[in-house]
N, C-alpha and C. Protein backbone atom coordinates (compact mmCIF):
# COMPACT_ATOMS: atom_id res chain seq x y z
N UNK A 1 28.07 -29.94 -12.69
CA UNK A 1 28.30 -28.55 -12.99
C UNK A 1 27.44 -27.72 -12.05
N UNK A 2 28.01 -26.70 -11.44
CA UNK A 2 27.29 -25.84 -10.51
C UNK A 2 26.39 -24.87 -11.28
N UNK A 3 25.20 -24.66 -10.73
CA UNK A 3 24.31 -23.69 -11.36
C UNK A 3 24.60 -22.31 -10.78
N UNK A 4 24.48 -21.32 -11.63
CA UNK A 4 24.74 -19.96 -11.20
C UNK A 4 23.42 -19.30 -10.84
N UNK A 5 23.36 -18.68 -9.67
CA UNK A 5 22.15 -17.99 -9.25
C UNK A 5 22.29 -16.50 -9.54
N UNK A 6 21.20 -15.89 -9.88
CA UNK A 6 21.22 -14.45 -10.17
C UNK A 6 21.44 -13.67 -8.88
N UNK A 7 22.13 -12.57 -9.01
CA UNK A 7 22.40 -11.71 -7.87
C UNK A 7 21.14 -10.94 -7.51
N UNK A 8 20.80 -10.98 -6.25
CA UNK A 8 19.63 -10.25 -5.77
C UNK A 8 20.01 -8.79 -5.54
N UNK A 9 19.14 -7.90 -5.98
CA UNK A 9 19.33 -6.47 -5.79
C UNK A 9 18.29 -5.99 -4.79
N UNK A 10 18.76 -5.23 -3.82
CA UNK A 10 17.84 -4.69 -2.81
C UNK A 10 17.47 -3.26 -3.20
N UNK A 11 16.19 -2.97 -3.05
CA UNK A 11 15.64 -1.65 -3.34
C UNK A 11 14.96 -1.14 -2.09
N UNK A 12 15.17 0.15 -1.77
CA UNK A 12 14.59 0.77 -0.58
C UNK A 12 13.72 1.95 -0.98
N UNK A 13 12.80 2.31 -0.13
CA UNK A 13 11.90 3.42 -0.37
C UNK A 13 12.64 4.75 -0.42
N UNK A 14 12.27 5.57 -1.38
CA UNK A 14 12.66 6.98 -1.40
C UNK A 14 11.44 7.73 -0.86
N UNK A 15 11.40 8.01 0.45
CA UNK A 15 10.18 8.54 1.06
C UNK A 15 9.81 9.95 0.59
N UNK A 16 10.78 10.73 0.14
CA UNK A 16 10.46 12.09 -0.29
C UNK A 16 9.78 12.14 -1.65
N UNK A 17 9.79 11.01 -2.38
CA UNK A 17 9.15 10.96 -3.70
C UNK A 17 8.11 9.84 -3.76
N UNK A 18 7.51 9.53 -2.63
CA UNK A 18 6.54 8.43 -2.55
C UNK A 18 5.36 8.85 -1.68
N UNK A 19 4.20 8.25 -1.97
CA UNK A 19 3.02 8.50 -1.14
C UNK A 19 2.09 7.30 -1.22
N UNK A 20 1.38 7.08 -0.12
CA UNK A 20 0.39 6.01 -0.03
C UNK A 20 -0.93 6.64 0.38
N UNK A 21 -1.99 6.30 -0.33
CA UNK A 21 -3.27 6.91 -0.01
C UNK A 21 -4.43 5.94 -0.12
N UNK A 22 -5.60 6.42 0.26
CA UNK A 22 -6.82 5.64 0.17
C UNK A 22 -7.99 6.59 -0.04
N UNK A 23 -9.08 6.04 -0.60
CA UNK A 23 -10.33 6.79 -0.77
C UNK A 23 -11.47 5.88 -0.36
N UNK A 24 -12.45 6.49 0.29
CA UNK A 24 -13.63 5.74 0.71
C UNK A 24 -14.86 6.64 0.53
N UNK A 25 -15.97 6.03 0.10
CA UNK A 25 -17.21 6.78 -0.11
C UNK A 25 -17.78 7.19 1.24
N UNK A 26 -18.23 8.44 1.33
CA UNK A 26 -18.84 8.98 2.53
C UNK A 26 -20.27 9.39 2.20
N UNK A 27 -21.20 8.91 2.94
CA UNK A 27 -22.63 9.19 2.77
C UNK A 27 -23.12 8.79 1.38
N UNK A 28 -22.39 7.90 0.73
CA UNK A 28 -22.77 7.37 -0.58
C UNK A 28 -22.72 8.43 -1.68
N UNK A 29 -22.15 9.62 -1.40
CA UNK A 29 -22.19 10.69 -2.40
C UNK A 29 -20.83 11.29 -2.75
N UNK A 30 -19.84 11.18 -1.87
CA UNK A 30 -18.51 11.74 -2.15
C UNK A 30 -17.45 10.80 -1.61
N UNK A 31 -16.22 11.05 -2.02
CA UNK A 31 -15.07 10.30 -1.50
C UNK A 31 -14.32 11.13 -0.48
N UNK A 32 -13.83 10.48 0.55
CA UNK A 32 -12.91 11.08 1.51
C UNK A 32 -11.56 10.42 1.27
N UNK A 33 -10.52 11.23 1.16
CA UNK A 33 -9.18 10.72 0.90
C UNK A 33 -8.33 10.81 2.15
N UNK A 34 -7.36 9.92 2.23
CA UNK A 34 -6.42 9.94 3.33
C UNK A 34 -5.08 9.38 2.90
N UNK A 35 -4.11 9.57 3.76
CA UNK A 35 -2.76 9.06 3.51
C UNK A 35 -2.19 8.47 4.79
N UNK A 36 -1.12 7.71 4.62
CA UNK A 36 -0.28 7.31 5.74
C UNK A 36 1.01 8.11 5.55
N UNK A 37 1.35 8.91 6.56
CA UNK A 37 2.52 9.78 6.45
C UNK A 37 3.82 9.02 6.70
N UNK A 38 3.76 7.94 7.48
CA UNK A 38 4.97 7.15 7.79
C UNK A 38 4.77 5.73 7.29
N UNK A 39 5.56 5.35 6.29
CA UNK A 39 5.48 4.01 5.72
C UNK A 39 6.82 3.63 5.13
N UNK A 40 6.96 2.36 4.81
CA UNK A 40 8.21 1.87 4.25
C UNK A 40 7.91 0.78 3.23
N UNK A 41 8.73 0.71 2.21
CA UNK A 41 8.66 -0.34 1.21
C UNK A 41 10.08 -0.85 0.99
N UNK A 42 10.23 -2.16 1.03
CA UNK A 42 11.51 -2.80 0.73
C UNK A 42 11.25 -3.85 -0.33
N UNK A 43 12.15 -3.95 -1.30
CA UNK A 43 11.99 -4.94 -2.36
C UNK A 43 13.35 -5.59 -2.64
N UNK A 44 13.27 -6.81 -3.11
CA UNK A 44 14.47 -7.52 -3.53
C UNK A 44 14.12 -8.23 -4.82
N UNK A 45 14.96 -8.02 -5.85
CA UNK A 45 14.68 -8.58 -7.18
C UNK A 45 15.99 -9.03 -7.82
N UNK A 46 15.85 -9.77 -8.90
CA UNK A 46 17.02 -10.14 -9.69
C UNK A 46 17.35 -8.94 -10.57
N UNK A 47 18.31 -8.15 -10.11
CA UNK A 47 18.67 -6.93 -10.83
C UNK A 47 17.50 -5.97 -10.86
N UNK A 48 17.11 -5.56 -12.07
CA UNK A 48 15.99 -4.65 -12.25
C UNK A 48 14.77 -5.38 -12.80
N UNK A 49 14.74 -6.70 -12.69
CA UNK A 49 13.60 -7.49 -13.16
C UNK A 49 12.60 -7.61 -12.01
N UNK A 50 11.64 -6.68 -11.98
CA UNK A 50 10.71 -6.64 -10.86
C UNK A 50 9.67 -7.75 -10.89
N UNK A 51 9.61 -8.51 -11.98
CA UNK A 51 8.72 -9.68 -11.99
C UNK A 51 9.24 -10.76 -11.04
N UNK A 52 10.50 -10.66 -10.64
CA UNK A 52 11.11 -11.61 -9.71
C UNK A 52 11.13 -11.08 -8.27
N UNK A 53 10.55 -9.92 -8.05
CA UNK A 53 10.70 -9.23 -6.77
C UNK A 53 9.89 -9.87 -5.65
N UNK A 54 10.41 -9.70 -4.45
CA UNK A 54 9.64 -9.89 -3.24
C UNK A 54 9.53 -8.50 -2.62
N UNK A 55 8.33 -8.16 -2.16
CA UNK A 55 8.05 -6.80 -1.69
C UNK A 55 7.43 -6.85 -0.31
N UNK A 56 7.87 -5.95 0.55
CA UNK A 56 7.25 -5.81 1.87
C UNK A 56 6.96 -4.34 2.12
N UNK A 57 5.74 -4.08 2.57
CA UNK A 57 5.27 -2.73 2.86
C UNK A 57 4.78 -2.69 4.29
N UNK A 58 5.10 -1.62 5.01
CA UNK A 58 4.53 -1.38 6.33
C UNK A 58 4.13 0.10 6.41
N UNK A 59 3.08 0.37 7.17
CA UNK A 59 2.65 1.74 7.44
C UNK A 59 2.29 1.85 8.91
N UNK A 60 2.65 2.98 9.50
CA UNK A 60 2.30 3.24 10.89
C UNK A 60 0.88 3.79 10.94
N UNK A 61 -0.01 3.07 11.60
CA UNK A 61 -1.41 3.47 11.69
C UNK A 61 -1.53 4.85 12.32
N UNK A 62 -0.69 5.16 13.29
CA UNK A 62 -0.77 6.44 13.99
C UNK A 62 -0.45 7.62 13.07
N UNK A 63 0.08 7.33 11.86
CA UNK A 63 0.42 8.41 10.93
C UNK A 63 -0.69 8.69 9.92
N UNK A 64 -1.87 8.08 10.12
CA UNK A 64 -2.98 8.29 9.19
C UNK A 64 -3.39 9.75 9.20
N UNK A 65 -3.69 10.28 8.01
CA UNK A 65 -4.06 11.68 7.90
C UNK A 65 -5.12 11.86 6.83
N UNK A 66 -6.23 12.49 7.21
CA UNK A 66 -7.30 12.80 6.26
C UNK A 66 -7.55 14.30 6.18
N UNK A 67 -6.72 15.07 6.87
CA UNK A 67 -6.91 16.52 6.87
C UNK A 67 -7.90 17.00 7.92
N UNK A 68 -8.35 16.09 8.78
CA UNK A 68 -9.31 16.44 9.82
C UNK A 68 -8.93 15.69 11.10
N UNK A 69 -8.51 16.41 12.13
CA UNK A 69 -8.00 15.79 13.35
C UNK A 69 -9.02 14.89 14.03
N UNK A 70 -10.29 15.33 14.09
CA UNK A 70 -11.32 14.51 14.74
C UNK A 70 -11.51 13.19 13.99
N UNK A 71 -11.57 13.25 12.66
CA UNK A 71 -11.73 12.03 11.87
C UNK A 71 -10.50 11.14 12.02
N UNK A 72 -9.30 11.74 11.99
CA UNK A 72 -8.07 10.95 12.14
C UNK A 72 -8.07 10.23 13.49
N UNK A 73 -8.46 10.92 14.55
CA UNK A 73 -8.51 10.29 15.88
C UNK A 73 -9.54 9.16 15.91
N UNK A 74 -10.67 9.34 15.21
CA UNK A 74 -11.67 8.28 15.15
C UNK A 74 -11.10 7.06 14.41
N UNK A 75 -10.39 7.31 13.30
CA UNK A 75 -9.79 6.20 12.55
C UNK A 75 -8.74 5.45 13.37
N UNK A 76 -8.04 6.15 14.25
CA UNK A 76 -7.02 5.52 15.09
C UNK A 76 -7.62 4.81 16.30
N UNK A 77 -8.90 5.05 16.58
CA UNK A 77 -9.57 4.51 17.76
C UNK A 77 -9.91 3.03 17.57
N UNK A 78 -10.31 2.35 18.66
CA UNK A 78 -10.72 0.94 18.56
C UNK A 78 -11.89 0.68 17.61
N UNK A 79 -12.69 1.70 17.29
CA UNK A 79 -13.80 1.50 16.35
C UNK A 79 -13.30 1.25 14.92
N UNK A 80 -12.08 1.68 14.63
CA UNK A 80 -11.51 1.45 13.30
C UNK A 80 -10.19 0.69 13.43
N UNK A 81 -9.07 1.36 13.23
CA UNK A 81 -7.77 0.69 13.18
C UNK A 81 -7.23 0.23 14.53
N UNK A 82 -7.62 0.89 15.61
CA UNK A 82 -7.11 0.60 16.95
C UNK A 82 -5.58 0.66 16.96
N UNK A 83 -5.07 1.86 16.66
CA UNK A 83 -3.63 2.09 16.51
C UNK A 83 -2.82 1.67 17.73
N UNK A 84 -3.38 1.83 18.93
CA UNK A 84 -2.63 1.47 20.13
C UNK A 84 -2.39 -0.03 20.21
N UNK A 85 -3.37 -0.82 19.78
CA UNK A 85 -3.26 -2.28 19.85
C UNK A 85 -2.63 -2.88 18.59
N UNK A 86 -2.90 -2.27 17.43
CA UNK A 86 -2.40 -2.77 16.14
C UNK A 86 -1.70 -1.62 15.40
N UNK A 87 -0.46 -1.34 15.76
CA UNK A 87 0.22 -0.13 15.26
C UNK A 87 0.64 -0.16 13.79
N UNK A 88 0.66 -1.33 13.15
CA UNK A 88 1.15 -1.41 11.78
C UNK A 88 0.14 -2.03 10.81
N UNK A 89 0.15 -1.51 9.60
CA UNK A 89 -0.46 -2.15 8.45
C UNK A 89 0.70 -2.81 7.72
N UNK A 90 0.50 -4.04 7.25
CA UNK A 90 1.60 -4.75 6.60
C UNK A 90 1.11 -5.48 5.35
N UNK A 91 1.93 -5.44 4.31
CA UNK A 91 1.67 -6.18 3.08
C UNK A 91 2.95 -6.92 2.70
N UNK A 92 2.82 -8.20 2.39
CA UNK A 92 3.95 -9.01 1.95
C UNK A 92 3.53 -9.70 0.65
N UNK A 93 4.31 -9.48 -0.41
CA UNK A 93 3.97 -10.09 -1.70
C UNK A 93 4.17 -11.60 -1.63
N UNK A 94 3.32 -12.32 -2.38
CA UNK A 94 3.46 -13.77 -2.49
C UNK A 94 3.85 -14.19 -3.90
N UNK A 95 3.46 -13.37 -4.89
CA UNK A 95 3.90 -13.60 -6.27
C UNK A 95 3.59 -12.38 -7.11
N UNK A 96 4.32 -12.26 -8.22
CA UNK A 96 4.13 -11.14 -9.14
C UNK A 96 3.93 -11.69 -10.53
N UNK A 97 2.90 -11.19 -11.19
CA UNK A 97 2.59 -11.60 -12.56
C UNK A 97 2.86 -10.41 -13.48
N UNK A 98 3.73 -10.63 -14.46
CA UNK A 98 4.06 -9.57 -15.42
C UNK A 98 3.07 -9.64 -16.58
N UNK A 99 2.28 -8.57 -16.76
CA UNK A 99 1.31 -8.51 -17.86
C UNK A 99 1.99 -8.08 -19.16
N UNK A 100 2.82 -7.05 -19.07
CA UNK A 100 3.62 -6.55 -20.19
C UNK A 100 4.77 -5.75 -19.60
N UNK A 101 5.50 -5.00 -20.41
CA UNK A 101 6.70 -4.32 -19.92
C UNK A 101 6.40 -3.25 -18.87
N UNK A 102 5.15 -2.80 -18.79
CA UNK A 102 4.82 -1.74 -17.84
C UNK A 102 3.80 -2.13 -16.77
N UNK A 103 3.16 -3.26 -16.92
CA UNK A 103 2.06 -3.60 -16.02
C UNK A 103 2.24 -4.95 -15.35
N UNK A 104 2.03 -4.92 -14.04
CA UNK A 104 2.18 -6.11 -13.21
C UNK A 104 0.94 -6.26 -12.34
N UNK A 105 0.70 -7.49 -11.90
CA UNK A 105 -0.28 -7.75 -10.86
C UNK A 105 0.51 -8.34 -9.70
N UNK A 106 0.39 -7.72 -8.54
CA UNK A 106 1.10 -8.17 -7.36
C UNK A 106 0.09 -8.81 -6.41
N UNK A 107 0.34 -10.05 -6.08
CA UNK A 107 -0.50 -10.80 -5.14
C UNK A 107 0.24 -10.82 -3.81
N UNK A 108 -0.52 -10.70 -2.73
CA UNK A 108 0.14 -10.74 -1.43
C UNK A 108 -0.85 -10.80 -0.30
N UNK A 109 -0.32 -10.76 0.90
CA UNK A 109 -1.11 -10.82 2.12
C UNK A 109 -1.06 -9.48 2.82
N UNK A 110 -2.25 -8.92 3.06
CA UNK A 110 -2.39 -7.65 3.76
C UNK A 110 -2.88 -7.93 5.17
N UNK A 111 -2.22 -7.30 6.14
CA UNK A 111 -2.61 -7.47 7.55
C UNK A 111 -3.03 -6.13 8.12
N UNK A 112 -4.27 -6.08 8.61
CA UNK A 112 -4.84 -4.92 9.31
C UNK A 112 -5.51 -5.46 10.57
N UNK A 113 -5.29 -4.81 11.70
CA UNK A 113 -5.94 -5.23 12.96
C UNK A 113 -5.70 -6.72 13.25
N UNK A 114 -4.53 -7.22 12.91
CA UNK A 114 -4.15 -8.60 13.14
C UNK A 114 -4.97 -9.60 12.32
N UNK A 115 -5.63 -9.12 11.27
CA UNK A 115 -6.37 -9.96 10.33
C UNK A 115 -5.60 -9.93 9.01
N UNK A 116 -5.25 -11.11 8.51
CA UNK A 116 -4.49 -11.21 7.26
C UNK A 116 -5.38 -11.82 6.18
N UNK A 117 -5.44 -11.14 5.03
CA UNK A 117 -6.23 -11.59 3.89
C UNK A 117 -5.42 -11.41 2.61
N UNK A 118 -5.65 -12.26 1.62
CA UNK A 118 -4.98 -12.07 0.34
C UNK A 118 -5.58 -10.87 -0.41
N UNK A 119 -4.73 -10.10 -1.05
CA UNK A 119 -5.17 -8.97 -1.88
C UNK A 119 -4.40 -8.98 -3.19
N UNK A 120 -4.96 -8.29 -4.16
CA UNK A 120 -4.33 -8.15 -5.47
C UNK A 120 -4.19 -6.67 -5.77
N UNK A 121 -3.00 -6.28 -6.20
CA UNK A 121 -2.73 -4.89 -6.53
C UNK A 121 -2.28 -4.78 -7.98
N UNK A 122 -2.77 -3.77 -8.67
CA UNK A 122 -2.29 -3.47 -10.01
C UNK A 122 -1.13 -2.50 -9.88
N UNK A 123 -0.04 -2.79 -10.59
CA UNK A 123 1.15 -1.96 -10.50
C UNK A 123 1.60 -1.59 -11.90
N UNK A 124 1.74 -0.28 -12.12
CA UNK A 124 2.29 0.22 -13.37
C UNK A 124 3.73 0.62 -13.11
N UNK A 125 4.63 0.04 -13.89
CA UNK A 125 6.06 0.31 -13.77
C UNK A 125 6.38 1.54 -14.60
N UNK A 126 6.86 2.59 -13.96
CA UNK A 126 7.17 3.84 -14.65
C UNK A 126 8.53 3.86 -15.30
N UNK A 127 9.41 2.95 -14.88
CA UNK A 127 10.74 2.90 -15.46
C UNK A 127 11.82 3.09 -14.42
N UNK A 128 13.06 3.12 -14.91
CA UNK A 128 14.24 3.28 -14.07
C UNK A 128 15.05 4.44 -14.62
N UNK A 129 15.60 5.24 -13.73
CA UNK A 129 16.46 6.35 -14.13
C UNK A 129 17.44 6.69 -13.03
N UNK A 130 18.43 7.51 -13.39
CA UNK A 130 19.41 7.98 -12.40
C UNK A 130 19.11 9.42 -12.05
N UNK A 131 19.15 9.72 -10.76
CA UNK A 131 18.95 11.10 -10.34
C UNK A 131 20.27 11.88 -10.53
N UNK A 132 20.29 13.19 -10.29
CA UNK A 132 21.51 13.99 -10.51
C UNK A 132 22.70 13.58 -9.64
N UNK A 133 22.46 12.77 -8.60
CA UNK A 133 23.52 12.35 -7.70
C UNK A 133 23.98 10.92 -7.98
N UNK A 134 23.47 10.35 -9.08
CA UNK A 134 23.90 9.02 -9.50
C UNK A 134 23.15 7.86 -8.88
N UNK A 135 22.08 8.15 -8.14
CA UNK A 135 21.29 7.08 -7.53
C UNK A 135 20.33 6.50 -8.57
N UNK A 136 20.29 5.17 -8.65
CA UNK A 136 19.38 4.51 -9.56
C UNK A 136 18.01 4.36 -8.89
N UNK A 137 16.97 4.85 -9.57
CA UNK A 137 15.63 4.86 -8.99
C UNK A 137 14.66 4.13 -9.92
N UNK A 138 13.64 3.53 -9.32
CA UNK A 138 12.57 2.86 -10.07
C UNK A 138 11.24 3.41 -9.56
N UNK A 139 10.30 3.65 -10.49
CA UNK A 139 9.03 4.24 -10.11
C UNK A 139 7.85 3.34 -10.42
N UNK A 140 6.85 3.39 -9.54
CA UNK A 140 5.68 2.53 -9.66
C UNK A 140 4.42 3.30 -9.24
N UNK A 141 3.31 3.02 -9.92
CA UNK A 141 2.00 3.51 -9.52
C UNK A 141 1.18 2.27 -9.13
N UNK A 142 0.65 2.29 -7.92
CA UNK A 142 -0.05 1.13 -7.35
C UNK A 142 -1.52 1.48 -7.15
N UNK A 143 -2.40 0.52 -7.47
CA UNK A 143 -3.83 0.71 -7.19
C UNK A 143 -4.45 -0.63 -6.82
N UNK A 144 -5.50 -0.55 -6.04
CA UNK A 144 -6.21 -1.76 -5.63
C UNK A 144 -7.45 -1.39 -4.85
N UNK A 145 -8.14 -2.41 -4.40
CA UNK A 145 -9.36 -2.19 -3.63
C UNK A 145 -9.51 -3.31 -2.62
N UNK A 146 -9.94 -2.97 -1.41
CA UNK A 146 -10.22 -3.96 -0.38
C UNK A 146 -11.61 -3.69 0.19
N UNK A 147 -12.16 -4.70 0.84
CA UNK A 147 -13.38 -4.55 1.61
C UNK A 147 -12.95 -4.45 3.07
N UNK A 148 -13.15 -3.29 3.67
CA UNK A 148 -12.63 -3.03 5.01
C UNK A 148 -13.24 -3.95 6.07
N UNK A 149 -14.48 -4.42 5.86
CA UNK A 149 -15.11 -5.26 6.88
C UNK A 149 -14.42 -6.62 6.99
N UNK A 150 -13.73 -7.05 5.92
CA UNK A 150 -12.99 -8.31 5.99
C UNK A 150 -11.79 -8.22 6.92
N UNK A 151 -11.43 -7.00 7.33
CA UNK A 151 -10.30 -6.77 8.24
C UNK A 151 -10.77 -6.25 9.59
N UNK A 152 -12.02 -6.50 9.93
CA UNK A 152 -12.63 -6.06 11.19
C UNK A 152 -12.66 -4.53 11.34
N UNK A 153 -12.70 -3.81 10.22
CA UNK A 153 -12.91 -2.37 10.23
C UNK A 153 -14.39 -2.15 9.91
N UNK A 154 -15.24 -2.48 10.87
CA UNK A 154 -16.67 -2.62 10.58
C UNK A 154 -17.54 -1.47 11.06
N UNK A 155 -16.99 -0.48 11.77
CA UNK A 155 -17.84 0.60 12.29
C UNK A 155 -18.60 1.27 11.15
N UNK A 156 -19.87 1.62 11.40
CA UNK A 156 -20.66 2.34 10.43
C UNK A 156 -21.87 2.95 11.12
N UNK A 157 -22.60 3.75 10.38
CA UNK A 157 -23.84 4.34 10.88
C UNK A 157 -24.83 4.39 9.73
N UNK A 158 -26.08 4.07 10.02
CA UNK A 158 -27.14 4.11 9.00
C UNK A 158 -27.55 5.56 8.75
N UNK A 159 -27.89 5.84 7.50
CA UNK A 159 -28.36 7.17 7.14
C UNK A 159 -29.88 7.20 7.13
N UNK A 160 -30.43 8.32 7.50
CA UNK A 160 -31.88 8.50 7.52
C UNK A 160 -32.49 8.26 6.13
N UNK A 161 -31.74 8.60 5.10
CA UNK A 161 -32.23 8.48 3.72
C UNK A 161 -31.97 7.10 3.13
N UNK A 162 -31.44 6.18 3.93
CA UNK A 162 -31.05 4.86 3.45
C UNK A 162 -29.56 4.82 3.19
N UNK A 163 -29.02 3.65 3.14
CA UNK A 163 -27.58 3.53 2.95
C UNK A 163 -26.83 3.69 4.25
N UNK A 164 -25.51 3.79 4.12
CA UNK A 164 -24.65 3.89 5.30
C UNK A 164 -23.70 5.07 5.16
N UNK A 165 -23.14 5.47 6.28
CA UNK A 165 -22.25 6.63 6.32
C UNK A 165 -20.95 6.37 5.57
N UNK A 166 -20.38 5.16 5.75
CA UNK A 166 -19.07 4.85 5.18
C UNK A 166 -19.18 3.55 4.38
N UNK A 167 -18.70 3.57 3.13
CA UNK A 167 -18.78 2.37 2.30
C UNK A 167 -17.84 1.28 2.82
N UNK A 168 -18.07 0.07 2.37
CA UNK A 168 -17.19 -1.04 2.73
C UNK A 168 -15.93 -1.07 1.87
N UNK A 169 -16.06 -0.66 0.61
CA UNK A 169 -14.92 -0.69 -0.31
C UNK A 169 -13.99 0.49 -0.07
N UNK A 170 -12.71 0.20 -0.06
CA UNK A 170 -11.66 1.21 0.10
C UNK A 170 -10.73 1.09 -1.10
N UNK A 171 -10.55 2.19 -1.81
CA UNK A 171 -9.61 2.22 -2.93
C UNK A 171 -8.23 2.58 -2.40
N UNK A 172 -7.24 1.80 -2.80
CA UNK A 172 -5.86 2.02 -2.38
C UNK A 172 -5.07 2.60 -3.54
N UNK A 173 -4.21 3.57 -3.24
CA UNK A 173 -3.37 4.18 -4.27
C UNK A 173 -1.97 4.39 -3.72
N UNK A 174 -1.01 4.40 -4.62
CA UNK A 174 0.35 4.67 -4.20
C UNK A 174 1.21 5.12 -5.36
N UNK A 175 2.09 6.04 -5.07
CA UNK A 175 3.17 6.44 -5.98
C UNK A 175 4.44 6.09 -5.22
N UNK A 176 5.16 5.12 -5.74
CA UNK A 176 6.32 4.59 -5.03
C UNK A 176 7.58 4.78 -5.86
N UNK A 177 8.58 5.37 -5.25
CA UNK A 177 9.88 5.47 -5.88
C UNK A 177 10.87 4.71 -4.99
N UNK A 178 11.55 3.75 -5.61
CA UNK A 178 12.54 2.96 -4.90
C UNK A 178 13.93 3.35 -5.38
N UNK A 179 14.91 3.22 -4.51
CA UNK A 179 16.29 3.48 -4.86
C UNK A 179 17.09 2.19 -4.65
N UNK A 180 17.95 1.90 -5.62
CA UNK A 180 18.78 0.70 -5.52
C UNK A 180 19.79 0.89 -4.41
N UNK A 181 19.87 -0.11 -3.52
CA UNK A 181 20.85 -0.06 -2.43
C UNK A 181 22.22 -0.48 -2.96
N UNK A 182 23.23 0.17 -2.42
CA UNK A 182 24.60 -0.16 -2.84
C UNK A 182 25.01 -1.53 -2.35
């Protein structure tokens, strides 16, 4: 008897209703926030069961924005991301663990500056709905944390008062809306 396989559903990014951001401590006293203006998320799941999904994310390093041109140019330079040599940030899921109907843990490989490391992201599933034009959409809130030095993002400066200018930990955030592909 032949086994029946579930139909895979492809989901694509709705860029006008999505954002990817990060926060990092500056001078040990405040956070500086930034975003990637150009990014993409693609997912494939068994219907709307996102616990079965495979997810791929890419962001263009040259689209980094912190609201300050000098800082953005420094982040794009070889001292940080080296956008000319390593133009993309990439994440590929390896497995998804469903905690309950709204919460997932997504395990995957993050690549920055040609260095790939495993990371874990917490994902809150906001639900599925249809927009006024009949498009089926799914919403997610993503959070996580990485140590930037593990990806060769090691530039820093010592402070006269002790400590360093930029922390090693980077908080990752995202509001992602996907649309079911026809």
